[in-house]
C-alpha atoms as a PDB file:
ATOM      1  CA  MET A   1      17.414 -17.742  29.061  1.00  0.00           C
ATOM      2  CA  ARG A   2      19.587 -20.448  27.488  1.00  0.00           C
ATOM      3  CA  ASN A   3      16.540 -22.643  26.917  1.00  0.00           C
ATOM      4  CA  VAL A   4      14.615 -19.771  25.350  1.00  0.00           C
ATOM      5  CA  LEU A   5      17.439 -19.024  22.914  1.00  0.00           C
ATOM      6  CA  ALA A   6      17.804 -22.731  22.103  1.00  0.00           C
ATOM      7  CA  ILE A   7      14.089 -22.964  21.245  1.00  0.00           C
ATOM      8  CA  ALA A   8      14.295 -19.737  19.203  1.00  0.00           C
ATOM      9  CA  GLY A   9      17.337 -20.976  17.274  1.00  0.00           C
ATOM     10  CA  LYS A  10      15.664 -24.299  16.515  1.00  0.00           C
ATOM     11  CA  GLU A  11      12.515 -22.527  15.274  1.00  0.00           C
ATOM     12  CA  LEU A  12      14.486 -20.172  13.046  1.00  0.00           C
ATOM     13  CA  ARG A  13      16.400 -23.045  11.465  1.00  0.00           C
ATOM     14  CA  GLN A  14      13.151 -24.890  10.824  1.00  0.00           C
ATOM     15  CA  SER A  15      11.580 -21.740   9.369  1.00  0.00           C
ATOM     16  CA  PHE A  16      14.332 -21.355   6.788  1.00  0.00           C
ATOM     17  CA  SER A  17      14.141 -25.035   5.894  1.00  0.00           C
ATOM     18  CA  ASN A  18      10.491 -24.508   4.953  1.00  0.00           C
ATOM     19  CA  SER A  19       9.481 -23.163   1.541  1.00  0.00           C
ATOM     20  CA  VAL A  20       6.605 -21.204   3.097  1.00  0.00           C
ATOM     21  CA  ALA A  21       9.126 -18.838   4.709  1.00  0.00           C
ATOM     22  CA  TYR A  22      10.761 -18.021   1.382  1.00  0.00           C
ATOM     23  CA  VAL A  23       7.441 -17.704  -0.433  1.00  0.00           C
ATOM     24  CA  SER A  24       5.986 -15.353   2.196  1.00  0.00           C
ATOM     25  CA  MET A  25       9.201 -13.308   2.338  1.00  0.00           C
ATOM     26  CA  GLY A  26       9.491 -13.106  -1.442  1.00  0.00           C
ATOM     27  CA  GLY A  27       5.820 -12.281  -1.893  1.00  0.00           C
ATOM     28  CA  PHE A  28       5.949  -9.498   0.686  1.00  0.00           C
ATOM     29  CA  LEU A  29       9.086  -7.902  -0.769  1.00  0.00           C
ATOM     30  CA  ILE A  30       7.814  -8.101  -4.360  1.00  0.00           C
ATOM     31  CA  LEU A  31       4.469  -6.515  -3.474  1.00  0.00           C
ATOM     32  CA  ALA A  32       6.022  -3.868  -1.219  1.00  0.00           C
ATOM     33  CA  GLY A  33       8.543  -3.044  -3.945  1.00  0.00           C
ATOM     34  CA  PHE A  34       5.796  -2.751  -6.550  1.00  0.00           C
ATOM     35  CA  PHE A  35       3.762  -0.351  -4.419  1.00  0.00           C
ATOM     36  CA  PHE A  36       6.867   1.693  -3.558  1.00  0.00           C
ATOM     37  CA  TYR A  37       7.700   2.008  -7.264  1.00  0.00           C
ATOM     38  CA  ASP A  38       4.119   3.066  -7.999  1.00  0.00           C
ATOM     39  CA  MET A  39       4.232   5.729  -5.262  1.00  0.00           C
ATOM     40  CA  VAL A  40       7.556   7.101  -6.494  1.00  0.00           C
ATOM     41  CA  THR A  41       6.236   7.194 -10.074  1.00  0.00           C
ATOM     42  CA  SER A  42       3.124   9.075  -8.960  1.00  0.00           C
ATOM     43  CA  TYR A  43       5.265  11.487  -6.943  1.00  0.00           C
ATOM     44  CA  ASN A  44       7.410  12.225  -9.988  1.00  0.00           C
ATOM     45  CA  LYS A  45       4.277  12.907 -12.057  1.00  0.00           C
ATOM     46  CA  TYR A  46       3.027  15.373  -9.435  1.00  0.00           C
ATOM     47  CA  MET A  47       6.433  17.059  -9.465  1.00  0.00           C
ATOM     48  CA  GLY A  48       6.170  17.402 -13.252  1.00  0.00           C
ATOM     49  CA  TYR A  49       2.749  19.033 -12.951  1.00  0.00           C
ATOM     50  CA  ALA A  50       4.023  21.299 -10.158  1.00  0.00           C
ATOM     51  CA  GLN A  51       6.845  22.616 -12.350  1.00  0.00           C
ATOM     52  CA  MET A  52       4.208  23.847 -14.787  1.00  0.00           C
ATOM     53  CA  ASN A  53       2.074  25.230 -11.955  1.00  0.00           C
ATOM     54  CA  PRO A  54       4.298  26.601  -9.140  1.00  0.00           C
ATOM     55  CA  GLN A  55       1.286  26.991  -6.818  1.00  0.00           C
ATOM     56  CA  MET A  56       1.163  23.204  -6.524  1.00  0.00           C
ATOM     57  CA  MET A  57       4.672  22.971  -5.054  1.00  0.00           C
ATOM     58  CA  ASP A  58       3.385  23.560  -1.515  1.00  0.00           C
ATOM     59  CA  GLN A  59       1.137  20.511  -1.900  1.00  0.00           C
ATOM     60  CA  ILE A  60       3.946  18.171  -3.028  1.00  0.00           C
ATOM     61  CA  ASN A  61       5.430  16.475   0.018  1.00  0.00           C
ATOM     62  CA  VAL A  62       7.440  13.252  -0.074  1.00  0.00           C
ATOM     63  CA  ASN A  63       6.306  12.367   3.461  1.00  0.00           C
ATOM     64  CA  ASP A  64       2.603  12.614   2.626  1.00  0.00           C
ATOM     65  CA  LEU A  65       2.811  11.081  -0.841  1.00  0.00           C
ATOM     66  CA  ILE A  66       5.318   8.277  -0.240  1.00  0.00           C
ATOM     67  CA  VAL A  67       6.403   7.703   3.385  1.00  0.00           C
ATOM     68  CA  SER A  68       3.019   7.520   5.154  1.00  0.00           C
ATOM     69  CA  PRO A  69       1.271   5.597   2.323  1.00  0.00           C
ATOM     70  CA  LEU A  70       4.193   3.150   2.190  1.00  0.00           C
ATOM     71  CA  PHE A  71       3.850   2.313   5.891  1.00  0.00           C
ATOM     72  CA  HIS A  72       0.092   1.843   5.521  1.00  0.00           C
ATOM     73  CA  THR A  73       0.656  -0.434   2.518  1.00  0.00           C
ATOM     74  CA  MET A  74       3.208  -2.563   4.374  1.00  0.00           C
ATOM     75  CA  ASN A  75       0.745  -2.695   7.266  1.00  0.00           C
ATOM     76  CA  VAL A  76      -1.890  -4.256   4.993  1.00  0.00           C
ATOM     77  CA  LEU A  77       0.584  -6.695   3.439  1.00  0.00           C
ATOM     78  CA  LEU A  78       1.787  -7.838   6.860  1.00  0.00           C
ATOM     79  CA  LEU A  79      -1.797  -8.606   7.837  1.00  0.00           C
ATOM     80  CA  LEU A  80      -1.658 -11.229   5.071  1.00  0.00           C
ATOM     81  CA  ILE A  81       1.911 -12.443   5.673  1.00  0.00           C
ATOM     82  CA  VAL A  82       2.142 -12.764   9.474  1.00  0.00           C
ATOM     83  CA  PRO A  83      -0.451 -15.596   9.733  1.00  0.00           C
ATOM     84  CA  LEU A  84       1.789 -17.579   7.360  1.00  0.00           C
ATOM     85  CA  ILE A  85       4.738 -16.993   9.696  1.00  0.00           C
ATOM     86  CA  THR A  86       2.906 -18.024  12.866  1.00  0.00           C
ATOM     87  CA  MET A  87       0.664 -20.835  11.626  1.00  0.00           C
ATOM     88  CA  ARG A  88       3.297 -23.547  12.082  1.00  0.00           C
ATOM     89  CA  LEU A  89       4.627 -22.530  15.522  1.00  0.00           C
ATOM     90  CA  PHE A  90       2.536 -25.052  17.482  1.00  0.00           C
ATOM     91  CA  ALA A  91       0.166 -26.550  14.905  1.00  0.00           C
ATOM     92  CA  GLU A  92       3.019 -28.285  13.082  1.00  0.00           C
ATOM     93  CA  GLU A  93       4.360 -29.757  16.331  1.00  0.00           C
ATOM     94  CA  ARG A  94       0.929 -31.192  17.124  1.00  0.00           C
ATOM     95  CA  ALA A  95       0.407 -32.534  13.607  1.00  0.00           C
ATOM     96  CA  LEU A  96       3.788 -34.297  13.624  1.00  0.00           C
ATOM     97  CA  GLY A  97       3.416 -35.530  17.199  1.00  0.00           C
ATOM     98  CA  THR A  98       6.651 -33.831  18.306  1.00  0.00           C
ATOM     99  CA  ASP A  99       4.787 -31.650  20.803  1.00  0.00           C
ATOM    100  CA  GLU A 100       4.744 -34.508  23.342  1.00  0.00           C
ATOM    101  CA  MET A 101       8.526 -34.722  23.310  1.00  0.00           C
ATOM    102  CA  LEU A 102       8.805 -30.966  23.723  1.00  0.00           C
ATOM    103  CA  LEU A 103       6.224 -30.711  26.496  1.00  0.00           C
ATOM    104  CA  THR A 104       7.735 -33.572  28.497  1.00  0.00           C
ATOM    105  CA  SER A 105      11.193 -31.987  28.391  1.00  0.00           C
ATOM    106  CA  PRO A 106      12.527 -30.100  31.436  1.00  0.00           C
ATOM    107  CA  ILE A 107      11.937 -26.816  29.617  1.00  0.00           C
ATOM    108  CA  SER A 108       9.068 -24.778  31.069  1.00  0.00           C
ATOM    109  CA  VAL A 109       6.004 -23.895  29.002  1.00  0.00           C
ATOM    110  CA  GLY A 110       6.805 -20.199  29.380  1.00  0.00           C
ATOM    111  CA  GLU A 111      10.261 -20.774  27.902  1.00  0.00           C
ATOM    112  CA  ILE A 112       8.817 -22.768  25.003  1.00  0.00           C
ATOM    113  CA  VAL A 113       6.247 -20.100  24.148  1.00  0.00           C
ATOM    114  CA  THR A 114       8.745 -17.266  24.561  1.00  0.00           C
ATOM    115  CA  GLY A 115      11.365 -19.026  22.423  1.00  0.00           C
ATOM    116  CA  LYS A 116       8.918 -19.640  19.597  1.00  0.00           C
ATOM    117  CA  MET A 117       7.671 -16.063  19.770  1.00  0.00           C
ATOM    118  CA  ILE A 118      11.229 -14.671  19.678  1.00  0.00           C
ATOM    119  CA  ALA A 119      11.928 -16.788  16.587  1.00  0.00           C
ATOM    120  CA  ALA A 120       8.832 -15.430  14.835  1.00  0.00           C
ATOM    121  CA  LEU A 121       9.728 -11.871  15.860  1.00  0.00           C
ATOM    122  CA  ALA A 122      13.294 -12.328  14.574  1.00  0.00           C
ATOM    123  CA  PHE A 123      12.003 -13.577  11.211  1.00  0.00           C
ATOM    124  CA  TYR A 124       9.565 -10.669  11.080  1.00  0.00           C
ATOM    125  CA  ALA A 125      12.261  -8.132  12.010  1.00  0.00           C
ATOM    126  CA  LEU A 126      14.459  -9.493   9.201  1.00  0.00           C
ATOM    127  CA  LEU A 127      11.562  -9.078   6.797  1.00  0.00           C
ATOM    128  CA  ILE A 128      11.044  -5.470   7.887  1.00  0.00           C
ATOM    129  CA  ALA A 129      14.786  -4.746   7.785  1.00  0.00           C
ATOM    130  CA  MET A 130      14.864  -5.740   4.114  1.00  0.00           C
ATOM    131  CA  THR A 131      12.513  -2.849   3.327  1.00  0.00           C
ATOM    132  CA  ALA A 132      15.127  -0.355   4.566  1.00  0.00           C
ATOM    133  CA  VAL A 133      16.229  -0.049   0.942  1.00  0.00           C
ATOM    134  CA  TYR A 134      13.132   2.127   0.305  1.00  0.00           C
ATOM    135  CA  PRO A 135      14.035   4.838   2.857  1.00  0.00           C
ATOM    136  CA  ALA A 136      17.633   4.624   1.617  1.00  0.00           C
ATOM    137  CA  ILE A 137      16.469   5.451  -1.918  1.00  0.00           C
ATOM    138  CA  LEU A 138      14.341   8.326  -0.631  1.00  0.00           C
ATOM    139  CA  LEU A 139      17.231   9.718   1.416  1.00  0.00           C
ATOM    140  CA  LYS A 140      19.431   9.711  -1.677  1.00  0.00           C
ATOM    141  CA  TYR A 141      17.005  11.536  -3.967  1.00  0.00           C
ATOM    142  CA  ALA A 142      14.666  13.428  -1.618  1.00  0.00           C
ATOM    143  CA  ARG A 143      14.374  14.750   1.928  1.00  0.00           C
ATOM    144  CA  PRO A 144      11.993  12.508   3.887  1.00  0.00           C
ATOM    145  CA  ASP A 145      11.384  13.231   7.559  1.00  0.00           C
ATOM    146  CA  LEU A 146      13.751  10.959   9.492  1.00  0.00           C
ATOM    147  CA  GLY A 147      11.502  11.155  12.553  1.00  0.00           C
ATOM    148  CA  LYS A 148       8.538   9.923  10.533  1.00  0.00           C
ATOM    149  CA  LEU A 149      10.598   7.052   9.112  1.00  0.00           C
ATOM    150  CA  PHE A 150      11.815   6.079  12.582  1.00  0.00           C
ATOM    151  CA  ALA A 151       8.331   6.259  14.116  1.00  0.00           C
ATOM    152  CA  GLY A 152       6.832   4.305  11.219  1.00  0.00           C
ATOM    153  CA  TYR A 153       9.258   1.438  11.674  1.00  0.00           C
ATOM    154  CA  ILE A 154       8.635   1.379  15.427  1.00  0.00           C
ATOM    155  CA  GLY A 155       4.923   1.143  14.642  1.00  0.00           C
ATOM    156  CA  LEU A 156       5.491  -1.716  12.190  1.00  0.00           C
ATOM    157  CA  LEU A 157       7.548  -3.643  14.745  1.00  0.00           C
ATOM    158  CA  LEU A 158       4.954  -3.157  17.500  1.00  0.00           C
ATOM    159  CA  MET A 159       2.014  -4.013  15.282  1.00  0.00           C
ATOM    160  CA  GLY A 160       3.904  -7.022  13.936  1.00  0.00           C
ATOM    161  CA  GLY A 161       4.532  -8.170  17.495  1.00  0.00           C
ATOM    162  CA  ALA A 162       0.809  -7.893  18.191  1.00  0.00           C
ATOM    163  CA  PHE A 163      -0.017  -9.872  15.025  1.00  0.00           C
ATOM    164  CA  ILE A 164       2.526 -12.540  15.952  1.00  0.00           C
ATOM    165  CA  SER A 165       1.284 -12.914  19.538  1.00  0.00           C
ATOM    166  CA  PHE A 166      -2.264 -13.597  18.361  1.00  0.00           C
ATOM    167  CA  GLY A 167      -1.104 -15.810  15.496  1.00  0.00           C
ATOM    168  CA  MET A 168       0.927 -17.873  17.958  1.00  0.00           C
ATOM    169  CA  PHE A 169      -2.121 -18.215  20.214  1.00  0.00           C
ATOM    170  CA  ALA A 170      -4.231 -19.349  17.242  1.00  0.00           C
ATOM    171  CA  SER A 171      -1.571 -21.945  16.411  1.00  0.00           C
ATOM    172  CA  THR A 172      -1.894 -23.457  19.915  1.00  0.00           C
ATOM    173  CA  LEU A 173      -5.568 -24.217  19.326  1.00  0.00           C
ATOM    174  CA  THR A 174      -5.301 -26.605  16.375  1.00  0.00           C
ATOM    175  CA  ARG A 175      -3.088 -29.129  14.634  1.00  0.00           C
ATOM    176  CA  SER A 176      -3.972 -27.686  11.198  1.00  0.00           C
ATOM    177  CA  GLN A 177      -1.716 -24.922   9.916  1.00  0.00           C
ATOM    178  CA  VAL A 178      -4.397 -23.833   7.457  1.00  0.00           C
ATOM    179  CA  VAL A 179      -6.950 -23.441  10.246  1.00  0.00           C
ATOM    180  CA  ALA A 180      -4.425 -21.557  12.399  1.00  0.00           C
ATOM    181  CA  ALA A 181      -3.642 -19.138   9.559  1.00  0.00           C
ATOM    182  CA  THR A 182      -7.322 -18.644   8.737  1.00  0.00           C
ATOM    183  CA  VAL A 183      -8.324 -17.959  12.355  1.00  0.00           C
ATOM    184  CA  SER A 184      -5.372 -15.619  12.793  1.00  0.00           C
ATOM    185  CA  PHE A 185      -6.119 -13.625   9.648  1.00  0.00           C
ATOM    186  CA  THR A 186      -9.858 -13.403  10.345  1.00  0.00           C
ATOM    187  CA  VAL A 187      -9.546 -12.173  13.933  1.00  0.00           C
ATOM    188  CA  LEU A 188      -6.682  -9.780  13.148  1.00  0.00           C
ATOM    189  CA  LEU A 189      -8.729  -8.369  10.272  1.00  0.00           C
ATOM    190  CA  VAL A 190     -11.535  -7.629  12.749  1.00  0.00           C
ATOM    191  CA  PHE A 191      -9.097  -5.785  15.031  1.00  0.00           C
ATOM    192  CA  TRP A 192      -7.758  -4.004  11.958  1.00  0.00           C
ATOM    193  CA  ILE A 193     -11.153  -2.655  10.774  1.00  0.00           C
ATOM    194  CA  LEU A 194     -12.645  -1.863  14.189  1.00  0.00           C
ATOM    195  CA  GLY A 195     -11.829   1.811  13.689  1.00  0.00           C
ATOM    196  CA  TRP A 196     -14.003   1.927  10.576  1.00  0.00           C
ATOM    197  CA  LEU A 197     -16.833   0.063  12.313  1.00  0.00           C
ATOM    198  CA  ALA A 198     -16.600   2.447  15.285  1.00  0.00           C
ATOM    199  CA  GLU A 199     -17.615   5.373  13.069  1.00  0.00           C
ATOM    200  CA  SER A 200     -21.208   4.119  13.153  1.00  0.00           C
ATOM    201  CA  GLN A 201     -21.206   3.639  16.937  1.00  0.00           C
ATOM    202  CA  GLN A 202     -21.807   6.191  19.659  1.00  0.00           C
ATOM    203  CA  GLY A 203     -20.795   6.480  23.300  1.00  0.00           C
ATOM    204  CA  ALA A 204     -18.796   3.910  25.219  1.00  0.00           C
ATOM    205  CA  VAL A 205     -19.185   1.188  22.577  1.00  0.00           C
ATOM    206  CA  GLY A 206     -17.643   3.370  19.900  1.00  0.00           C
ATOM    207  CA  GLY A 207     -14.866   4.426  22.266  1.00  0.00           C
ATOM    208  CA  VAL A 208     -13.959   0.826  23.109  1.00  0.00           C
ATOM    209  CA  MET A 209     -13.966  -0.171  19.437  1.00  0.00           C
ATOM    210  CA  ARG A 210     -11.708   2.746  18.538  1.00  0.00           C
ATOM    211  CA  TYR A 211      -9.319   1.862  21.358  1.00  0.00           C
ATOM    212  CA  LEU A 212      -9.090  -1.765  20.191  1.00  0.00           C
ATOM    213  CA  SER A 213      -8.554  -0.744  16.562  1.00  0.00           C
ATOM    214  CA  MET A 214      -5.100  -1.691  15.294  1.00  0.00           C
ATOM    215  CA  THR A 215      -5.166   0.946  12.558  1.00  0.00           C
ATOM    216  CA  ASP A 216      -6.114   3.823  14.865  1.00  0.00           C
ATOM    217  CA  HIS A 217      -3.056   3.158  17.023  1.00  0.00           C
ATOM    218  CA  PHE A 218      -0.810   2.705  13.991  1.00  0.00           C
ATOM    219  CA  GLU A 219      -2.019   5.920  12.353  1.00  0.00           C
ATOM    220  CA  ARG A 220      -0.028   8.134  14.728  1.00  0.00           C
ATOM    221  CA  PHE A 221       3.161   6.146  14.114  1.00  0.00           C
ATOM    222  CA  SER A 222       2.746   6.584  10.346  1.00  0.00           C
ATOM    223  CA  GLN A 223       2.433  10.338  10.931  1.00  0.00           C
ATOM    224  CA  GLY A 224       5.716  10.421  12.863  1.00  0.00           C
ATOM    225  CA  VAL A 225       4.245  10.474  16.387  1.00  0.00           C
ATOM    226  CA  VAL A 226       5.342   7.928  19.003  1.00  0.00           C
ATOM    227  CA  ASP A 227       2.606   8.139  21.640  1.00  0.00           C
ATOM    228  CA  SER A 228       3.081   6.225  24.895  1.00  0.00           C
ATOM    229  CA  SER A 229      -0.611   5.201  24.890  1.00  0.00           C
ATOM    230  CA  ASP A 230      -0.137   3.435  21.539  1.00  0.00           C
ATOM    231  CA  VAL A 231       3.028   1.711  22.768  1.00  0.00           C
ATOM    232  CA  VAL A 232       1.193   0.543  25.896  1.00  0.00           C
ATOM    233  CA  PHE A 233      -1.679  -0.787  23.774  1.00  0.00           C
ATOM    234  CA  TYR A 234       0.573  -2.929  21.592  1.00  0.00           C
ATOM    235  CA  VAL A 235       2.729  -4.153  24.479  1.00  0.00           C
ATOM    236  CA  SER A 236      -0.408  -5.070  26.465  1.00  0.00           C
ATOM    237  CA  PHE A 237      -1.868  -6.863  23.444  1.00  0.00           C
ATOM    238  CA  ILE A 238       1.347  -8.847  23.006  1.00  0.00           C
ATOM    239  CA  ALA A 239       1.534  -9.754  26.707  1.00  0.00           C
ATOM    240  CA  PHE A 240      -2.145 -10.768  26.843  1.00  0.00           C
ATOM    241  CA  PHE A 241      -1.969 -13.224  23.955  1.00  0.00           C
ATOM    242  CA  TRP A 242       1.438 -14.509  25.084  1.00  0.00           C
ATOM    243  CA  PHE A 243      -0.301 -15.319  28.377  1.00  0.00           C
ATOM    244  CA  LEU A 244      -3.228 -17.038  26.617  1.00  0.00           C
ATOM    245  CA  ALA A 245      -0.849 -19.041  24.430  1.00  0.00           C
ATOM    246  CA  THR A 246       1.043 -20.167  27.529  1.00  0.00           C
ATOM    247  CA  ARG A 247      -2.164 -21.245  29.254  1.00  0.00           C
ATOM    248  CA  ALA A 248      -3.321 -23.089  26.120  1.00  0.00           C
ATOM    249  CA  VAL A 249      -0.046 -25.018  25.873  1.00  0.00           C
ATOM    250  CA  GLU A 250      -0.145 -25.823  29.595  1.00  0.00           C
ATOM    251  CA  ALA A 251      -3.665 -27.198  29.169  1.00  0.00           C
ATOM    252  CA  THR A 252      -2.334 -29.462  26.398  1.00  0.00           C
ATOM    253  CA  ARG A 253       0.594 -30.549  28.568  1.00  0.00           C
ATOM    254  CA  TRP A 254      -1.628 -31.889  31.352  1.00  0.00           C
ATOM    255  CA  ARG A 255      -4.182 -33.705  29.202  1.00  0.00           C
END
């Protein structure tokens, strides 16, 4: 465990010495803040209309108009940001030639991969934690469903872990960070839209596509439901691509 934490600490320090980390973090927070402001503004407009037409009050719900849309918006933004977080994990090492030193050290490949993944997850968790200001504002001025907020953040963390595991695997396949980010974004986008594509499919094919859809599993979290089947899907996805990343690095080690 000491080796894993040492690798994770080294990766985190390198992340914050890189301008890409600050650009991706700043870009995410600015965009998320803009969309949150837009949702709150729209909610206030609906409230103004509802005061003139009391029958509309039953249709005005902060959870449906702000909380759920906010989680879906952050979900989309993270699809763009996570490949920037993971692209350098192994590709940079290979480009700089420092991967040989790392792979010939007494640290196991599993520890290396796990340490780098923990570092990426820690950076991601920090990014998500910074958005807690939005629920705090809602709690001060409205009555959002705490269960829905809690479930939504669990969903974001699990989906982010799935994004990171694949992004890390993509980074093991190339020495180019741009290629790693592009492959990661493209494949994750496919997983993200599978639910839409499944609507035109029937039978077993449609069922498999819906099961593999990232958005279908996240939808229940955004609605305040923590379903064990969705948790199992994300954990299995993370474990599978952690395993592939480990095998890919091992293949590099013995070349």
